[in-house]
C-alpha atoms as a PDB file:
ATOM      1  CA  MET A   1     -13.116  19.912  -0.310  1.00  0.00           C
ATOM      2  CA  THR A   2     -12.235  16.393  -1.478  1.00  0.00           C
ATOM      3  CA  HIS A   3     -14.792  14.494  -3.514  1.00  0.00           C
ATOM      4  CA  ARG A   4     -15.778  11.278  -1.765  1.00  0.00           C
ATOM      5  CA  PRO A   5     -16.612   8.424  -4.168  1.00  0.00           C
ATOM      6  CA  PRO A   6     -19.865   6.545  -3.627  1.00  0.00           C
ATOM      7  CA  PRO A   7     -19.706   3.350  -1.521  1.00  0.00           C
ATOM      8  CA  ARG A   8     -19.741   1.070  -4.575  1.00  0.00           C
ATOM      9  CA  ALA A   9     -16.738   2.859  -6.104  1.00  0.00           C
ATOM     10  CA  ARG A  10     -14.907   2.719  -2.763  1.00  0.00           C
ATOM     11  CA  ARG A  11     -15.519  -1.049  -2.522  1.00  0.00           C
ATOM     12  CA  LEU A  12     -14.112  -1.453  -6.027  1.00  0.00           C
ATOM     13  CA  LEU A  13     -11.071   0.569  -4.999  1.00  0.00           C
ATOM     14  CA  ALA A  14     -10.641  -1.664  -1.949  1.00  0.00           C
ATOM     15  CA  ARG A  15     -10.822  -4.812  -4.090  1.00  0.00           C
ATOM     16  CA  THR A  16      -8.406  -3.312  -6.619  1.00  0.00           C
ATOM     17  CA  PHE A  17      -5.924  -2.491  -3.861  1.00  0.00           C
ATOM     18  CA  LEU A  18      -6.350  -5.778  -2.021  1.00  0.00           C
ATOM     19  CA  GLY A  19      -6.200  -8.029  -5.083  1.00  0.00           C
ATOM     20  CA  PRO A  20      -2.399  -7.894  -5.447  1.00  0.00           C
ATOM     21  CA  LEU A  21      -2.064  -8.385  -1.705  1.00  0.00           C
ATOM     22  CA  SER A  22      -4.042 -11.637  -1.821  1.00  0.00           C
ATOM     23  CA  LEU A  23      -1.051 -13.669  -2.937  1.00  0.00           C
ATOM     24  CA  SER A  24       0.977 -12.089  -0.166  1.00  0.00           C
ATOM     25  CA  GLY A  25      -1.667 -13.065   2.353  1.00  0.00           C
ATOM     26  CA  LEU A  26      -1.542 -16.655   1.161  1.00  0.00           C
ATOM     27  CA  LEU A  27       2.230 -16.644   1.394  1.00  0.00           C
ATOM     28  CA  LEU A  28       2.059 -15.344   4.947  1.00  0.00           C
ATOM     29  CA  THR A  29      -0.280 -18.096   6.031  1.00  0.00           C
ATOM     30  CA  GLY A  30       1.750 -20.763   4.279  1.00  0.00           C
ATOM     31  CA  CYS A  31      -0.993 -21.766   1.854  1.00  0.00           C
ATOM     32  CA  ALA A  32       0.811 -20.891  -1.352  1.00  0.00           C
ATOM     33  CA  ALA A  33       4.402 -22.000  -0.825  1.00  0.00           C
ATOM     34  CA  PRO A  34       6.446 -23.869   1.745  1.00  0.00           C
ATOM     35  CA  ALA A  35       8.782 -21.828   3.949  1.00  0.00           C
ATOM     36  CA  SER A  36      11.759 -23.391   2.169  1.00  0.00           C
ATOM     37  CA  GLY A  37      10.506 -22.255  -1.252  1.00  0.00           C
ATOM     38  CA  PRO A  38      11.988 -19.408  -3.236  1.00  0.00           C
ATOM     39  CA  PRO A  39      12.179 -16.086  -1.431  1.00  0.00           C
ATOM     40  CA  LEU A  40       9.641 -13.382  -2.165  1.00  0.00           C
ATOM     41  CA  SER A  41      10.565 -10.634  -4.605  1.00  0.00           C
ATOM     42  CA  PRO A  42      11.194  -7.222  -3.021  1.00  0.00           C
ATOM     43  CA  ASP A  43       7.769  -6.011  -4.227  1.00  0.00           C
ATOM     44  CA  ASP A  44       6.019  -9.089  -2.835  1.00  0.00           C
ATOM     45  CA  THR A  45       7.897  -8.750   0.458  1.00  0.00           C
ATOM     46  CA  VAL A  46       6.688  -5.168   0.928  1.00  0.00           C
ATOM     47  CA  ARG A  47       3.155  -6.151  -0.171  1.00  0.00           C
ATOM     48  CA  ALA A  48       3.079  -9.059   2.296  1.00  0.00           C
ATOM     49  CA  ALA A  49       4.221  -6.836   5.147  1.00  0.00           C
ATOM     50  CA  THR A  50       1.690  -4.169   4.156  1.00  0.00           C
ATOM     51  CA  ARG A  51      -1.036  -6.801   4.202  1.00  0.00           C
ATOM     52  CA  LEU A  52       0.077  -8.083   7.598  1.00  0.00           C
ATOM     53  CA  LEU A  53       0.134  -4.582   9.078  1.00  0.00           C
ATOM     54  CA  THR A  54      -3.234  -3.568   7.600  1.00  0.00           C
ATOM     55  CA  ASP A  55      -4.799  -6.832   8.812  1.00  0.00           C
ATOM     56  CA  HIS A  56      -3.539  -6.206  12.359  1.00  0.00           C
ATOM     57  CA  CYS A  57      -4.799  -2.613  12.222  1.00  0.00           C
ATOM     58  CA  LEU A  58      -8.254  -3.596  10.952  1.00  0.00           C
ATOM     59  CA  THR A  59      -8.541  -6.371  13.524  1.00  0.00           C
ATOM     60  CA  ALA A  60      -7.586  -3.919  16.289  1.00  0.00           C
ATOM     61  CA  ARG A  61     -10.477  -1.738  15.095  1.00  0.00           C
ATOM     62  CA  GLY A  62     -12.873  -4.667  15.398  1.00  0.00           C
ATOM     63  CA  LEU A  63     -13.092  -5.270  11.654  1.00  0.00           C
ATOM     64  CA  THR A  64     -12.521  -8.417   9.634  1.00  0.00           C
ATOM     65  CA  PRO A  65      -9.845  -7.879   6.985  1.00  0.00           C
ATOM     66  CA  PRO A  66     -11.241  -8.312   3.478  1.00  0.00           C
ATOM     67  CA  ARG A  67     -10.375 -11.460   1.558  1.00  0.00           C
ATOM     68  CA  PRO A  68     -11.045 -12.439  -2.039  1.00  0.00           C
ATOM     69  CA  GLY A  69     -14.305 -14.304  -2.428  1.00  0.00           C
ATOM     70  CA  ARG A  70     -15.815 -13.073   0.817  1.00  0.00           C
ATOM     71  CA  HIS A  71     -19.407 -11.962   0.758  1.00  0.00           C
ATOM     72  CA  PRO A  72     -19.625  -8.191   1.093  1.00  0.00           C
ATOM     73  CA  GLY A  73     -21.503  -6.742   4.014  1.00  0.00           C
ATOM     74  CA  THR A  74     -24.055  -3.987   3.895  1.00  0.00           C
ATOM     75  CA  ASP A  75     -23.111  -0.681   2.296  1.00  0.00           C
ATOM     76  CA  ALA A  76     -22.574   0.779   5.766  1.00  0.00           C
ATOM     77  CA  GLN A  77     -20.297  -2.116   6.808  1.00  0.00           C
ATOM     78  CA  GLU A  78     -18.296  -1.893   3.602  1.00  0.00           C
ATOM     79  CA  GLU A  79     -17.930   1.869   3.950  1.00  0.00           C
ATOM     80  CA  ARG A  80     -16.713   1.461   7.539  1.00  0.00           C
ATOM     81  CA  LEU A  81     -14.165  -1.117   6.354  1.00  0.00           C
ATOM     82  CA  THR A  82     -13.019   1.071   3.462  1.00  0.00           C
ATOM     83  CA  ASP A  83     -12.750   4.137   5.726  1.00  0.00           C
ATOM     84  CA  ALA A  84     -10.677   2.154   8.209  1.00  0.00           C
ATOM     85  CA  LEU A  85      -8.402   0.852   5.470  1.00  0.00           C
ATOM     86  CA  PHE A  86      -7.940   3.995   3.366  1.00  0.00           C
ATOM     87  CA  GLY A  87      -8.902   6.805   5.759  1.00  0.00           C
ATOM     88  CA  ALA A  88     -11.922   9.077   5.922  1.00  0.00           C
ATOM     89  CA  GLY A  89     -12.806  12.707   5.540  1.00  0.00           C
ATOM     90  CA  PRO A  90     -10.760  15.180   3.557  1.00  0.00           C
ATOM     91  CA  ALA A  91      -7.423  13.845   2.347  1.00  0.00           C
ATOM     92  CA  GLU A  92      -4.509  15.270   4.301  1.00  0.00           C
ATOM     93  CA  LEU A  93      -1.882  14.675   1.596  1.00  0.00           C
ATOM     94  CA  SER A  94      -2.116  16.180  -1.872  1.00  0.00           C
ATOM     95  CA  LEU A  95       0.225  16.635  -4.805  1.00  0.00           C
ATOM     96  CA  LYS A  96      -0.508  18.349  -8.094  1.00  0.00           C
ATOM     97  CA  LEU A  97       1.316  16.680 -10.978  1.00  0.00           C
ATOM     98  CA  PRO A  98       2.791  18.544 -13.963  1.00  0.00           C
ATOM     99  CA  THR A  99       0.062  16.919 -16.074  1.00  0.00           C
ATOM    100  CA  GLY A 100      -2.521  18.891 -14.107  1.00  0.00           C
ATOM    101  CA  TYR A 101      -3.889  15.948 -12.132  1.00  0.00           C
ATOM    102  CA  SER A 102      -3.997  16.059  -8.357  1.00  0.00           C
ATOM    103  CA  VAL A 103      -3.385  12.974  -6.254  1.00  0.00           C
ATOM    104  CA  ARG A 104      -4.644  12.804  -2.685  1.00  0.00           C
ATOM    105  CA  ALA A 105      -4.182  10.381   0.194  1.00  0.00           C
ATOM    106  CA  HIS A 106      -5.185  10.026   3.812  1.00  0.00           C
ATOM    107  CA  THR A 107      -2.975   9.798   6.872  1.00  0.00           C
ATOM    108  CA  ASP A 108      -5.542   8.166   9.179  1.00  0.00           C
ATOM    109  CA  GLY A 109      -6.297   4.744   7.676  1.00  0.00           C
ATOM    110  CA  CYS A 110      -4.660   1.381   8.252  1.00  0.00           C
ATOM    111  CA  LEU A 111      -2.831   1.646   4.930  1.00  0.00           C
ATOM    112  CA  ALA A 112      -1.325   4.978   6.015  1.00  0.00           C
ATOM    113  CA  SER A 113      -0.267   3.410   9.302  1.00  0.00           C
ATOM    114  CA  ALA A 114       1.407   0.539   7.434  1.00  0.00           C
ATOM    115  CA  GLN A 115       3.221   3.018   5.192  1.00  0.00           C
ATOM    116  CA  ARG A 116       4.502   4.956   8.205  1.00  0.00           C
ATOM    117  CA  THR A 117       5.764   1.722   9.741  1.00  0.00           C
ATOM    118  CA  LEU A 118       7.467   0.489   6.580  1.00  0.00           C
ATOM    119  CA  TYR A 119       8.723   3.671   4.926  1.00  0.00           C
ATOM    120  CA  GLY A 120       9.288   5.752   8.050  1.00  0.00           C
ATOM    121  CA  ASP A 121       8.016   8.962   6.430  1.00  0.00           C
ATOM    122  CA  GLN A 122       4.568   8.558   4.923  1.00  0.00           C
ATOM    123  CA  ARG A 123       4.376  12.137   3.656  1.00  0.00           C
ATOM    124  CA  ARG A 124       7.681  11.879   1.753  1.00  0.00           C
ATOM    125  CA  TRP A 125       6.795   8.381   0.489  1.00  0.00           C
ATOM    126  CA  PHE A 126       3.491   9.740  -0.828  1.00  0.00           C
ATOM    127  CA  GLN A 127       5.280  12.574  -2.615  1.00  0.00           C
ATOM    128  CA  VAL A 128       8.096  10.579  -4.194  1.00  0.00           C
ATOM    129  CA  SER A 129       6.039   7.505  -5.087  1.00  0.00           C
ATOM    130  CA  THR A 130       3.414   9.708  -6.737  1.00  0.00           C
ATOM    131  CA  VAL A 131       6.083  11.458  -8.801  1.00  0.00           C
ATOM    132  CA  VAL A 132       7.936   8.245  -9.698  1.00  0.00           C
ATOM    133  CA  ASN A 133       4.719   6.408 -10.575  1.00  0.00           C
ATOM    134  CA  ASN A 134       3.818   9.225 -12.953  1.00  0.00           C
ATOM    135  CA  LEU A 135       7.104   9.728 -14.830  1.00  0.00           C
ATOM    136  CA  LYS A 136       5.807   8.152 -18.060  1.00  0.00           C
ATOM    137  CA  PRO A 137       2.608  10.222 -18.146  1.00  0.00           C
ATOM    138  CA  GLU A 138       4.674  13.337 -17.485  1.00  0.00           C
ATOM    139  CA  ALA A 139       7.042  12.490 -20.364  1.00  0.00           C
ATOM    140  CA  ALA A 140       4.064  12.005 -22.676  1.00  0.00           C
ATOM    141  CA  TYR A 141       2.471  15.244 -21.460  1.00  0.00           C
ATOM    142  CA  ARG A 142       5.694  17.210 -21.970  1.00  0.00           C
ATOM    143  CA  GLU A 143       6.362  15.397 -25.254  1.00  0.00           C
ATOM    144  CA  THR A 144       9.882  14.587 -24.133  1.00  0.00           C
ATOM    145  CA  SER A 145      11.910  11.502 -23.313  1.00  0.00           C
ATOM    146  CA  LEU A 146      11.438   9.496 -20.167  1.00  0.00           C
ATOM    147  CA  ALA A 147      15.177   9.896 -19.506  1.00  0.00           C
ATOM    148  CA  SER A 148      14.873  13.678 -19.425  1.00  0.00           C
ATOM    149  CA  VAL A 149      11.902  13.506 -17.042  1.00  0.00           C
ATOM    150  CA  ARG A 150      13.835  11.096 -14.787  1.00  0.00           C
ATOM    151  CA  ALA A 151      16.774  13.522 -14.816  1.00  0.00           C
ATOM    152  CA  ARG A 152      14.422  16.372 -13.846  1.00  0.00           C
ATOM    153  CA  HIS A 153      13.182  14.286 -10.908  1.00  0.00           C
ATOM    154  CA  ARG A 154      16.492  12.705  -9.854  1.00  0.00           C
ATOM    155  CA  THR A 155      16.009  13.824  -6.232  1.00  0.00           C
ATOM    156  CA  GLU A 156      12.586  12.160  -6.021  1.00  0.00           C
ATOM    157  CA  VAL A 157      13.896   9.005  -7.715  1.00  0.00           C
ATOM    158  CA  ALA A 158      16.812   8.832  -5.246  1.00  0.00           C
ATOM    159  CA  ASP A 159      14.470   9.364  -2.292  1.00  0.00           C
ATOM    160  CA  TRP A 160      12.087   6.729  -3.706  1.00  0.00           C
ATOM    161  CA  ARG A 161      14.952   4.208  -3.824  1.00  0.00           C
ATOM    162  CA  ARG A 162      16.117   5.092  -0.302  1.00  0.00           C
ATOM    163  CA  LEU A 163      12.622   4.832   1.183  1.00  0.00           C
ATOM    164  CA  ARG A 164      11.898   1.640  -0.753  1.00  0.00           C
ATOM    165  CA  GLU A 165      15.072   0.040   0.599  1.00  0.00           C
ATOM    166  CA  HIS A 166      14.057   1.124   4.118  1.00  0.00           C
ATOM    167  CA  ALA A 167      10.641  -0.471   3.589  1.00  0.00           C
ATOM    168  CA  LEU A 168      12.186  -3.691   2.277  1.00  0.00           C
ATOM    169  CA  VAL A 169      14.418  -4.015   5.345  1.00  0.00           C
ATOM    170  CA  ARG A 170      11.490  -3.301   7.689  1.00  0.00           C
ATOM    171  CA  ALA A 171       9.215  -5.681   5.766  1.00  0.00           C
ATOM    172  CA  THR A 172      11.779  -8.481   5.814  1.00  0.00           C
ATOM    173  CA  ASP A 173      12.270  -8.054   9.572  1.00  0.00           C
ATOM    174  CA  LEU A 174       8.523  -7.979  10.175  1.00  0.00           C
ATOM    175  CA  LEU A 175       7.835 -11.098   8.093  1.00  0.00           C
ATOM    176  CA  THR A 176      10.749 -12.962   9.665  1.00  0.00           C
ATOM    177  CA  HIS A 177       9.406 -12.135  13.124  1.00  0.00           C
ATOM    178  CA  GLN A 178       5.905 -13.213  12.074  1.00  0.00           C
ATOM    179  CA  ARG A 179       7.211 -16.512  10.695  1.00  0.00           C
ATOM    180  CA  GLN A 180       9.152 -17.165  13.913  1.00  0.00           C
ATOM    181  CA  GLN A 181       6.047 -16.451  16.001  1.00  0.00           C
ATOM    182  CA  GLN A 182       4.002 -18.863  13.886  1.00  0.00           C
ATOM    183  CA  GLN A 183       6.657 -21.550  14.263  1.00  0.00           C
ATOM    184  CA  LYS A 184       6.677 -21.119  18.054  1.00  0.00           C
ATOM    185  CA  GLU A 185       2.880 -21.419  18.127  1.00  0.00           C
ATOM    186  CA  THR A 186       2.922 -24.692  16.165  1.00  0.00           C
ATOM    187  CA  GLN A 187       5.586 -26.324  18.353  1.00  0.00           C
END
């Protein structure tokens, strides 16, 4: 059975996740940079699209997407929001790392839905991104070079790159469509 953090810890997790997406949200609404400004980095493009997709998902569930500086609701409201964003119940995805740690994720939240839309294969993205994001800790744990750990995980690294490129293409298309829709609405 998966341990479920208390509501306060889940709210902190939500703020930690949403913090980097705040800039992306501003960029989507045009508050941070004009449309003719420099293009977003690949990471910011995927973050902006993730934010857009999670906002649409939360809104469809009758929830107001969280924003920095907003006043939190009751514990029950915040838990409902966090469950909708990250998923609820036992985690459906799990991967045990060579360091002994296990990483778990849900497949039913708005973030999972955004990952399926962008990466195409949420389960594989979970697996390869977890491995790739933990290459340095694995090298330290094994007391070996990062290069040797990367070589050991070359399949995961290649899949990570392929899925990331897929997500970047999807994110760019999504944000372009969103921008075009906003332009039509203002004309």
